[in-house]
Amino acid sequence: MADDIDRANALIENEVSLALSKIRESSSNDREGAKFCVECGDAIPVGRKNLGFKLCVPCVEDRERKSQLFAN
């Protein structure tokens, strides 16, 4: 059972790393943030956009909540 869980965690970690690499790669081309959230497509408020964010607040909160749930 632990082997399956270890493989699943490694797969998730790999997918997250790939996604983050793509986001960093696209953001390195321009220092301004995205107009639309890269996860859900909703508009990003001007303040967040000017700070260089690529995710809307609900998506960031969702990611943080998931990372806390699956951290253990």
PDB file of N, CA and C in Angstrom:
ATOM      1  N   MET A   1       0.822  -1.191   0.000  1.00  0.00           N
ATOM      2  CA  MET A   1       0.000   0.000   0.000  1.00  0.00           C
ATOM      3  C   MET A   1       0.866   1.255   0.000  1.00  0.00           C
ATOM      4  N   ALA A   2       1.901   1.267   0.808  1.00  0.00           N
ATOM      5  CA  ALA A   2       2.765   2.447   0.879  1.00  0.00           C
ATOM      6  C   ALA A   2       3.438   2.716  -0.466  1.00  0.00           C
ATOM      7  N   ASP A   3       3.769   1.670  -1.198  1.00  0.00           N
ATOM      8  CA  ASP A   3       4.398   1.864  -2.503  1.00  0.00           C
ATOM      9  C   ASP A   3       3.473   2.603  -3.470  1.00  0.00           C
ATOM     10  N   ASP A   4       2.187   2.261  -3.455  1.00  0.00           N
ATOM     11  CA  ASP A   4       1.217   2.945  -4.315  1.00  0.00           C
ATOM     12  C   ASP A   4       1.097   4.410  -3.937  1.00  0.00           C
ATOM     13  N   ILE A   5       1.079   4.666  -2.652  1.00  0.00           N
ATOM     14  CA  ILE A   5       0.979   6.046  -2.181  1.00  0.00           C
ATOM     15  C   ILE A   5       2.234   6.828  -2.548  1.00  0.00           C
ATOM     16  N   ASP A   6       3.388   6.211  -2.396  1.00  0.00           N
ATOM     17  CA  ASP A   6       4.638   6.863  -2.767  1.00  0.00           C
ATOM     18  C   ASP A   6       4.672   7.195  -4.251  1.00  0.00           C
ATOM     19  N   ARG A   7       4.211   6.271  -5.084  1.00  0.00           N
ATOM     20  CA  ARG A   7       4.177   6.512  -6.524  1.00  0.00           C
ATOM     21  C   ARG A   7       3.200   7.633  -6.865  1.00  0.00           C
ATOM     22  N   ALA A   8       2.051   7.640  -6.208  1.00  0.00           N
ATOM     23  CA  ALA A   8       1.055   8.685  -6.451  1.00  0.00           C
ATOM     24  C   ALA A   8       1.605  10.049  -6.041  1.00  0.00           C
ATOM     25  N   ASN A   9       2.252  10.113  -4.898  1.00  0.00           N
ATOM     26  CA  ASN A   9       2.839  11.376  -4.441  1.00  0.00           C
ATOM     27  C   ASN A   9       3.935  11.848  -5.385  1.00  0.00           C
ATOM     28  N   ALA A  10       4.747  10.944  -5.873  1.00  0.00           N
ATOM     29  CA  ALA A  10       5.808  11.310  -6.817  1.00  0.00           C
ATOM     30  C   ALA A  10       5.208  11.833  -8.118  1.00  0.00           C
ATOM     31  N   LEU A  11       4.150  11.200  -8.580  1.00  0.00           N
ATOM     32  CA  LEU A  11       3.474  11.647  -9.797  1.00  0.00           C
ATOM     33  C   LEU A  11       2.897  13.045  -9.612  1.00  0.00           C
ATOM     34  N   ILE A  12       2.245  13.277  -8.494  1.00  0.00           N
ATOM     35  CA  ILE A  12       1.672  14.590  -8.210  1.00  0.00           C
ATOM     36  C   ILE A  12       2.772  15.637  -8.132  1.00  0.00           C
ATOM     37  N   GLU A  13       3.845  15.330  -7.440  1.00  0.00           N
ATOM     38  CA  GLU A  13       4.960  16.264  -7.312  1.00  0.00           C
ATOM     39  C   GLU A  13       5.546  16.608  -8.681  1.00  0.00           C
ATOM     40  N   ASN A  14       5.678  15.607  -9.529  1.00  0.00           N
ATOM     41  CA  ASN A  14       6.193  15.827 -10.877  1.00  0.00           C
ATOM     42  C   ASN A  14       5.267  16.729 -11.686  1.00  0.00           C
ATOM     43  N   GLU A  15       3.969  16.481 -11.623  1.00  0.00           N
ATOM     44  CA  GLU A  15       3.002  17.284 -12.370  1.00  0.00           C
ATOM     45  C   GLU A  15       2.992  18.727 -11.883  1.00  0.00           C
ATOM     46  N   VAL A  16       3.076  18.915 -10.578  1.00  0.00           N
ATOM     47  CA  VAL A  16       3.111  20.264 -10.020  1.00  0.00           C
ATOM     48  C   VAL A  16       4.381  20.983 -10.465  1.00  0.00           C
ATOM     49  N   SER A  17       5.499  20.289 -10.452  1.00  0.00           N
ATOM     50  CA  SER A  17       6.762  20.891 -10.891  1.00  0.00           C
ATOM     51  C   SER A  17       6.698  21.307 -12.357  1.00  0.00           C
ATOM     52  N   LEU A  18       6.123  20.453 -13.196  1.00  0.00           N
ATOM     53  CA  LEU A  18       5.981  20.792 -14.610  1.00  0.00           C
ATOM     54  C   LEU A  18       5.084  22.011 -14.802  1.00  0.00           C
ATOM     55  N   ALA A  19       3.980  22.047 -14.075  1.00  0.00           N
ATOM     56  CA  ALA A  19       3.061  23.176 -14.187  1.00  0.00           C
ATOM     57  C   ALA A  19       3.724  24.469 -13.728  1.00  0.00           C
ATOM     58  N   LEU A  20       4.448  24.403 -12.623  1.00  0.00           N
ATOM     59  CA  LEU A  20       5.142  25.592 -12.131  1.00  0.00           C
ATOM     60  C   LEU A  20       6.211  26.053 -13.111  1.00  0.00           C
ATOM     61  N   SER A  21       6.893  25.117 -13.733  1.00  0.00           N
ATOM     62  CA  SER A  21       7.909  25.477 -14.727  1.00  0.00           C
ATOM     63  C   SER A  21       7.284  26.212 -15.899  1.00  0.00           C
ATOM     64  N   LYS A  22       6.134  25.733 -16.349  1.00  0.00           N
ATOM     65  CA  LYS A  22       5.447  26.395 -17.460  1.00  0.00           C
ATOM     66  C   LYS A  22       5.020  27.801 -17.073  1.00  0.00           C
ATOM     67  N   ILE A  23       4.524  27.956 -15.860  1.00  0.00           N
ATOM     68  CA  ILE A  23       4.095  29.272 -15.390  1.00  0.00           C
ATOM     69  C   ILE A  23       5.291  30.210 -15.287  1.00  0.00           C
ATOM     70  N   ARG A  24       6.377  29.715 -14.716  1.00  0.00           N
ATOM     71  CA  ARG A  24       7.572  30.554 -14.579  1.00  0.00           C
ATOM     72  C   ARG A  24       8.137  30.928 -15.939  1.00  0.00           C
ATOM     73  N   GLU A  25       8.115  29.979 -16.855  1.00  0.00           N
ATOM     74  CA  GLU A  25       8.630  30.232 -18.202  1.00  0.00           C
ATOM     75  C   GLU A  25       7.815  31.313 -18.894  1.00  0.00           C
ATOM     76  N   SER A  26       6.511  31.221 -18.786  1.00  0.00           N
ATOM     77  CA  SER A  26       5.664  32.220 -19.439  1.00  0.00           C
ATOM     78  C   SER A  26       5.767  33.567 -18.742  1.00  0.00           C
ATOM     79  N   SER A  27       5.980  33.561 -17.432  1.00  0.00           N
ATOM     80  CA  SER A  27       6.067  34.838 -16.719  1.00  0.00           C
ATOM     81  C   SER A  27       7.432  35.483 -16.868  1.00  0.00           C
ATOM     82  N   SER A  28       8.444  34.710 -17.250  1.00  0.00           N
ATOM     83  CA  SER A  28       9.765  35.311 -17.425  1.00  0.00           C
ATOM     84  C   SER A  28       9.814  36.181 -18.675  1.00  0.00           C
ATOM     85  N   ASN A  29       8.891  35.946 -19.600  1.00  0.00           N
ATOM     86  CA  ASN A  29       8.843  36.743 -20.819  1.00  0.00           C
ATOM     87  C   ASN A  29       8.305  38.147 -20.562  1.00  0.00           C
ATOM     88  N   ASP A  30       7.402  38.253 -19.610  1.00  0.00           N
ATOM     89  CA  ASP A  30       6.870  39.573 -19.262  1.00  0.00           C
ATOM     90  C   ASP A  30       6.709  39.643 -17.749  1.00  0.00           C
ATOM     91  N   ARG A  31       7.073  40.757 -17.184  1.00  0.00           N
ATOM     92  CA  ARG A  31       7.034  40.918 -15.732  1.00  0.00           C
ATOM     93  C   ARG A  31       5.654  41.310 -15.233  1.00  0.00           C
ATOM     94  N   GLU A  32       4.768  41.676 -16.124  1.00  0.00           N
ATOM     95  CA  GLU A  32       3.417  42.020 -15.720  1.00  0.00           C
ATOM     96  C   GLU A  32       2.615  40.736 -15.543  1.00  0.00           C
ATOM     97  N   GLY A  33       1.714  40.721 -14.616  1.00  0.00           N
ATOM     98  CA  GLY A  33       0.915  39.526 -14.363  1.00  0.00           C
ATOM     99  C   GLY A  33      -0.081  39.264 -15.474  1.00  0.00           C
ATOM    100  N   ALA A  34      -0.746  38.150 -15.356  1.00  0.00           N
ATOM    101  CA  ALA A  34      -1.733  37.760 -16.354  1.00  0.00           C
ATOM    102  C   ALA A  34      -3.013  38.573 -16.195  1.00  0.00           C
ATOM    103  N   LYS A  35      -3.718  38.762 -17.292  1.00  0.00           N
ATOM    104  CA  LYS A  35      -5.016  39.434 -17.232  1.00  0.00           C
ATOM    105  C   LYS A  35      -6.081  38.472 -16.735  1.00  0.00           C
ATOM    106  N   PHE A  36      -5.870  37.179 -17.016  1.00  0.00           N
ATOM    107  CA  PHE A  36      -6.822  36.155 -16.616  1.00  0.00           C
ATOM    108  C   PHE A  36      -6.087  35.052 -15.867  1.00  0.00           C
ATOM    109  N   CYS A  37      -6.761  34.463 -14.898  1.00  0.00           N
ATOM    110  CA  CYS A  37      -6.194  33.399 -14.083  1.00  0.00           C
ATOM    111  C   CYS A  37      -5.802  32.216 -14.970  1.00  0.00           C
ATOM    112  N   VAL A  38      -4.595  31.690 -14.761  1.00  0.00           N
ATOM    113  CA  VAL A  38      -4.117  30.586 -15.587  1.00  0.00           C
ATOM    114  C   VAL A  38      -4.811  29.270 -15.246  1.00  0.00           C
ATOM    115  N   GLU A  39      -5.534  29.225 -14.122  1.00  0.00           N
ATOM    116  CA  GLU A  39      -6.237  27.985 -13.757  1.00  0.00           C
ATOM    117  C   GLU A  39      -7.710  28.010 -14.143  1.00  0.00           C
ATOM    118  N   CYS A  40      -8.415  29.093 -13.788  1.00  0.00           N
ATOM    119  CA  CYS A  40      -9.860  29.108 -14.013  1.00  0.00           C
ATOM    120  C   CYS A  40     -10.307  30.038 -15.134  1.00  0.00           C
ATOM    121  N   GLY A  41      -9.448  30.972 -15.535  1.00  0.00           N
ATOM    122  CA  GLY A  41      -9.778  31.881 -16.622  1.00  0.00           C
ATOM    123  C   GLY A  41     -10.507  33.140 -16.195  1.00  0.00           C
ATOM    124  N   ASP A  42     -10.784  33.295 -14.895  1.00  0.00           N
ATOM    125  CA  ASP A  42     -11.430  34.516 -14.421  1.00  0.00           C
ATOM    126  C   ASP A  42     -10.465  35.692 -14.515  1.00  0.00           C
ATOM    127  N   ALA A  43     -11.014  36.889 -14.611  1.00  0.00           N
ATOM    128  CA  ALA A  43     -10.195  38.096 -14.674  1.00  0.00           C
ATOM    129  C   ALA A  43      -9.462  38.293 -13.344  1.00  0.00           C
ATOM    130  N   ILE A  44      -8.211  38.759 -13.431  1.00  0.00           N
ATOM    131  CA  ILE A  44      -7.413  39.047 -12.243  1.00  0.00           C
ATOM    132  C   ILE A  44      -7.500  40.547 -11.984  1.00  0.00           C
ATOM    133  N   PRO A  45      -7.793  40.947 -10.737  1.00  0.00           N
ATOM    134  CA  PRO A  45      -7.874  42.373 -10.430  1.00  0.00           C
ATOM    135  C   PRO A  45      -6.569  43.099 -10.777  1.00  0.00           C
ATOM    136  N   VAL A  46      -6.685  44.370 -11.130  1.00  0.00           N
ATOM    137  CA  VAL A  46      -5.542  45.163 -11.581  1.00  0.00           C
ATOM    138  C   VAL A  46      -4.415  45.164 -10.546  1.00  0.00           C
ATOM    139  N   GLY A  47      -4.752  45.277  -9.263  1.00  0.00           N
ATOM    140  CA  GLY A  47      -3.725  45.287  -8.224  1.00  0.00           C
ATOM    141  C   GLY A  47      -2.885  44.022  -8.227  1.00  0.00           C
ATOM    142  N   ARG A  48      -3.525  42.883  -8.328  1.00  0.00           N
ATOM    143  CA  ARG A  48      -2.792  41.603  -8.375  1.00  0.00           C
ATOM    144  C   ARG A  48      -2.002  41.496  -9.670  1.00  0.00           C
ATOM    145  N   LYS A  49      -2.607  41.925 -10.758  1.00  0.00           N
ATOM    146  CA  LYS A  49      -1.945  41.866 -12.070  1.00  0.00           C
ATOM    147  C   LYS A  49      -0.664  42.700 -12.058  1.00  0.00           C
ATOM    148  N   ASN A  50      -0.739  43.892 -11.481  1.00  0.00           N
ATOM    149  CA  ASN A  50       0.424  44.777 -11.422  1.00  0.00           C
ATOM    150  C   ASN A  50       1.545  44.203 -10.563  1.00  0.00           C
ATOM    151  N   LEU A  51       1.193  43.348  -9.616  1.00  0.00           N
ATOM    152  CA  LEU A  51       2.207  42.705  -8.767  1.00  0.00           C
ATOM    153  C   LEU A  51       2.790  41.454  -9.421  1.00  0.00           C
ATOM    154  N   GLY A  52       2.258  41.071 -10.583  1.00  0.00           N
ATOM    155  CA  GLY A  52       2.809  39.951 -11.324  1.00  0.00           C
ATOM    156  C   GLY A  52       2.151  38.607 -11.056  1.00  0.00           C
ATOM    157  N   PHE A  53       1.019  38.609 -10.394  1.00  0.00           N
ATOM    158  CA  PHE A  53       0.348  37.347 -10.091  1.00  0.00           C
ATOM    159  C   PHE A  53      -0.311  36.749 -11.324  1.00  0.00           C
ATOM    160  N   LYS A  54      -0.344  35.426 -11.377  1.00  0.00           N
ATOM    161  CA  LYS A  54      -0.953  34.709 -12.497  1.00  0.00           C
ATOM    162  C   LYS A  54      -2.231  33.974 -12.083  1.00  0.00           C
ATOM    163  N   LEU A  55      -2.539  33.980 -10.776  1.00  0.00           N
ATOM    164  CA  LEU A  55      -3.720  33.288 -10.267  1.00  0.00           C
ATOM    165  C   LEU A  55      -4.632  34.262  -9.544  1.00  0.00           C
ATOM    166  N   CYS A  56      -5.950  34.020  -9.628  1.00  0.00           N
ATOM    167  CA  CYS A  56      -6.898  34.821  -8.872  1.00  0.00           C
ATOM    168  C   CYS A  56      -6.883  34.360  -7.414  1.00  0.00           C
ATOM    169  N   VAL A  57      -7.469  35.149  -6.544  1.00  0.00           N
ATOM    170  CA  VAL A  57      -7.450  34.846  -5.111  1.00  0.00           C
ATOM    171  C   VAL A  57      -8.120  33.502  -4.804  1.00  0.00           C
ATOM    172  N   PRO A  58      -9.304  33.202  -5.348  1.00  0.00           N
ATOM    173  CA  PRO A  58      -9.916  31.903  -5.039  1.00  0.00           C
ATOM    174  C   PRO A  58      -9.041  30.701  -5.447  1.00  0.00           C
ATOM    175  N   CYS A  59      -8.348  30.799  -6.568  1.00  0.00           N
ATOM    176  CA  CYS A  59      -7.489  29.691  -7.001  1.00  0.00           C
ATOM    177  C   CYS A  59      -6.273  29.550  -6.081  1.00  0.00           C
ATOM    178  N   VAL A  60      -5.722  30.675  -5.633  1.00  0.00           N
ATOM    179  CA  VAL A  60      -4.592  30.618  -4.706  1.00  0.00           C
ATOM    180  C   VAL A  60      -5.046  29.990  -3.393  1.00  0.00           C
ATOM    181  N   GLU A  61      -6.208  30.413  -2.907  1.00  0.00           N
ATOM    182  CA  GLU A  61      -6.721  29.851  -1.662  1.00  0.00           C
ATOM    183  C   GLU A  61      -6.980  28.360  -1.808  1.00  0.00           C
ATOM    184  N   ASP A  62      -7.511  27.948  -2.960  1.00  0.00           N
ATOM    185  CA  ASP A  62      -7.771  26.528  -3.210  1.00  0.00           C
ATOM    186  C   ASP A  62      -6.467  25.729  -3.221  1.00  0.00           C
ATOM    187  N   ARG A  63      -5.431  26.262  -3.862  1.00  0.00           N
ATOM    188  CA  ARG A  63      -4.124  25.589  -3.889  1.00  0.00           C
ATOM    189  C   ARG A  63      -3.545  25.445  -2.489  1.00  0.00           C
ATOM    190  N   GLU A  64      -3.645  26.526  -1.703  1.00  0.00           N
ATOM    191  CA  GLU A  64      -3.115  26.483  -0.343  1.00  0.00           C
ATOM    192  C   GLU A  64      -3.865  25.457   0.499  1.00  0.00           C
ATOM    193  N   ARG A  65      -5.193  25.430   0.365  1.00  0.00           N
ATOM    194  CA  ARG A  65      -6.003  24.477   1.116  1.00  0.00           C
ATOM    195  C   ARG A  65      -5.629  23.034   0.726  1.00  0.00           C
ATOM    196  N   LYS A  66      -5.473  22.788  -0.577  1.00  0.00           N
ATOM    197  CA  LYS A  66      -5.087  21.444  -1.028  1.00  0.00           C
ATOM    198  C   LYS A  66      -3.699  21.067  -0.565  1.00  0.00           C
ATOM    199  N   SER A  67      -2.767  22.018  -0.593  1.00  0.00           N
ATOM    200  CA  SER A  67      -1.402  21.703  -0.168  1.00  0.00           C
ATOM    201  C   SER A  67      -1.359  21.379   1.318  1.00  0.00           C
ATOM    202  N   GLN A  68      -2.212  22.026   2.113  1.00  0.00           N
ATOM    203  CA  GLN A  68      -2.279  21.716   3.536  1.00  0.00           C
ATOM    204  C   GLN A  68      -2.908  20.355   3.778  1.00  0.00           C
ATOM    205  N   LEU A  69      -3.914  20.011   2.982  1.00  0.00           N
ATOM    206  CA  LEU A  69      -4.586  18.719   3.142  1.00  0.00           C
ATOM    207  C   LEU A  69      -3.673  17.557   2.781  1.00  0.00           C
ATOM    208  N   PHE A  70      -2.863  17.741   1.729  1.00  0.00           N
ATOM    209  CA  PHE A  70      -2.047  16.652   1.224  1.00  0.00           C
ATOM    210  C   PHE A  70      -0.592  16.738   1.657  1.00  0.00           C
ATOM    211  N   ALA A  71      -0.277  17.660   2.559  1.00  0.00           N
ATOM    212  CA  ALA A  71       1.108  17.821   3.013  1.00  0.00           C
ATOM    213  C   ALA A  71       1.554  16.657   3.869  1.00  0.00           C
ATOM    214  N   ASN A  72       0.643  16.066   4.579  1.00  0.00           N
ATOM    215  CA  ASN A  72       1.020  14.960   5.491  1.00  0.00           C
ATOM    216  C   ASN A  72       1.066  13.655   4.806  1.00  0.00           C
TER     217      ASN A  72
END
